[in-house]
Amino acid sequence: KKLVKKYHLENNIKFLGKKSNPFPYYKISDACVLSSQSEGYPVVFNEARVLNIPLITTKVSDYQDIDNLYGIVVEQDKIYDGMKKFLNEGFVIKKKFDYKEYNKDIISKIDSLINKN
């Protein structure tokens, strides 16, 4: 917030705070940017993929699932470069995300962990 004020970007950047339903924001977005330094599995990955929104993300947990298939992956200090690349070149999602198959896979993995004991 300090940087937004410092660089007079108040008309360009808005901090909306926590939202219980992010989907209206995805619906009007051209891309989703995840600039975290570290994160467990980002739910934002699935939210964006379900709505076919390209991702621009740093190398957080499971970024390999996104790289060049659902979006652009960059080092933490290169998020600007990833955003610029998207603006200049765009990004075409290479594979439709099948949330049913994804859920089935997760359930199978959980079942195998539970049934090991």
Protein backbone atom coordinates (compact mmCIF):
# COMPACT_ATOMS: atom_id res chain seq x y z
CA LYS A 1 0.00 0.00 0.00
CA LYS A 2 2.91 2.30 0.73
CA LEU A 3 4.37 1.68 -2.75
CA VAL A 4 1.01 2.36 -4.40
CA LYS A 5 0.85 5.69 -2.58
CA LYS A 6 4.53 6.47 -3.21
CA TYR A 7 4.15 5.95 -6.97
CA HIS A 8 0.69 7.57 -7.16
CA LEU A 9 -1.02 4.42 -8.41
CA GLU A 10 -4.22 4.77 -6.37
CA ASN A 11 -6.28 5.03 -9.57
CA ASN A 12 -4.72 1.84 -10.98
CA ILE A 13 -4.41 -0.48 -8.00
CA LYS A 14 -7.15 -1.22 -5.49
CA PHE A 15 -6.85 -3.43 -2.43
CA LEU A 16 -10.21 -5.07 -1.95
CA GLY A 17 -9.38 -7.22 1.05
CA LYS A 18 -10.61 -10.76 1.61
CA LYS A 19 -13.57 -11.76 -0.54
CA SER A 20 -15.81 -14.74 0.15
CA ASN A 21 -16.50 -15.20 -3.58
CA PRO A 22 -13.56 -14.44 -5.89
CA PHE A 23 -15.28 -15.65 -9.07
CA PRO A 24 -16.82 -12.30 -10.16
CA TYR A 25 -13.26 -10.91 -10.22
CA TYR A 26 -11.94 -13.82 -12.25
CA LYS A 27 -14.79 -13.39 -14.69
CA ILE A 28 -13.60 -9.90 -15.66
CA SER A 29 -9.89 -10.78 -15.61
CA ASP A 30 -7.56 -11.45 -18.51
CA ALA A 31 -5.09 -13.28 -16.26
CA CYS A 32 -4.50 -14.20 -12.64
CA VAL A 33 -1.24 -13.15 -10.97
CA LEU A 34 0.12 -15.07 -7.98
CA SER A 35 3.16 -13.22 -6.67
CA SER A 36 3.69 -15.13 -3.42
CA GLN A 37 7.17 -15.92 -2.17
CA SER A 38 5.98 -19.25 -0.78
CA GLU A 39 2.69 -21.04 -0.40
CA GLY A 40 1.25 -24.47 0.16
CA TYR A 41 -0.78 -25.70 -2.79
CA PRO A 42 -2.39 -22.48 -4.09
CA VAL A 43 -6.17 -22.75 -4.36
CA VAL A 44 -5.92 -19.87 -6.84
CA PHE A 45 -4.41 -22.35 -9.33
CA ASN A 46 -7.63 -24.34 -9.44
CA GLU A 47 -9.89 -21.30 -9.33
CA ALA A 48 -8.20 -19.82 -12.38
CA ARG A 49 -7.99 -23.13 -14.23
CA VAL A 50 -11.69 -23.91 -13.73
CA LEU A 51 -12.51 -20.60 -15.39
CA ASN A 52 -9.82 -20.92 -18.11
CA ILE A 53 -7.95 -17.85 -16.89
CA PRO A 54 -4.21 -17.90 -17.65
CA LEU A 55 -1.92 -17.76 -14.63
CA ILE A 56 1.22 -15.75 -14.09
CA THR A 57 2.86 -17.23 -11.04
CA THR A 58 6.06 -17.45 -9.11
CA LYS A 59 7.65 -20.80 -8.30
CA VAL A 60 5.43 -21.73 -5.37
CA SER A 61 4.31 -25.25 -4.48
CA ASP A 62 3.27 -27.32 -7.51
CA TYR A 63 4.11 -24.58 -10.02
CA GLN A 64 5.16 -27.37 -12.40
CA ASP A 65 1.45 -28.11 -12.95
CA ILE A 66 1.06 -24.63 -14.42
CA ASP A 67 4.28 -24.04 -16.35
CA ASN A 68 3.59 -23.50 -20.06
CA LEU A 69 0.32 -25.43 -19.83
CA TYR A 70 -1.93 -23.08 -17.88
CA GLY A 71 0.30 -20.05 -17.64
CA ILE A 72 3.65 -18.41 -17.19
CA VAL A 73 5.98 -19.30 -14.30
CA VAL A 74 8.74 -16.94 -13.20
CA GLU A 75 11.23 -16.49 -10.38
CA GLN A 76 9.99 -14.33 -7.50
CA ASP A 77 11.95 -11.26 -8.63
CA LYS A 78 10.71 -11.63 -12.23
CA ILE A 79 6.94 -11.27 -11.73
CA TYR A 80 7.01 -7.96 -13.64
CA ASP A 81 8.67 -9.73 -16.57
CA GLY A 82 5.99 -12.43 -16.54
CA MET A 83 3.23 -9.85 -16.53
CA LYS A 84 4.90 -7.90 -19.32
CA LYS A 85 5.31 -11.09 -21.37
CA PHE A 86 1.62 -11.83 -20.94
CA LEU A 87 0.65 -8.31 -21.99
CA ASN A 88 2.91 -8.43 -25.05
CA GLU A 89 2.38 -12.03 -26.17
CA GLY A 90 -0.72 -13.25 -24.35
CA PHE A 91 -1.00 -16.87 -23.31
CA VAL A 92 -3.16 -19.62 -24.76
CA ILE A 93 -4.10 -22.34 -22.29
CA LYS A 94 -2.85 -25.63 -23.73
CA LYS A 95 -5.18 -28.03 -21.94
CA LYS A 96 -8.70 -27.76 -20.57
CA PHE A 97 -8.69 -28.28 -16.82
CA ASP A 98 -10.88 -31.23 -15.84
CA TYR A 99 -11.86 -30.54 -12.23
CA LYS A 100 -13.77 -33.83 -11.99
CA GLU A 101 -10.65 -35.79 -12.94
CA TYR A 102 -8.57 -33.64 -10.59
CA ASN A 103 -10.96 -34.33 -7.68
CA LYS A 104 -11.03 -38.04 -8.50
CA ASP A 105 -7.21 -38.12 -8.43
CA ILE A 106 -7.04 -36.30 -5.08
CA ILE A 107 -9.62 -38.64 -3.53
CA SER A 108 -7.67 -41.63 -4.81
CA LYS A 109 -4.45 -40.29 -3.25
CA ILE A 110 -6.17 -39.65 0.07
CA ASP A 111 -7.73 -43.12 0.04
CA SER A 112 -4.36 -44.72 -0.62
CA LEU A 113 -2.83 -42.84 2.34
CA ILE A 114 -5.68 -43.84 4.65
CA ASN A 115 -5.68 -47.47 3.54
CA LYS A 116 -1.91 -47.82 4.01
CA ASN A 117 -2.42 -48.13 7.75
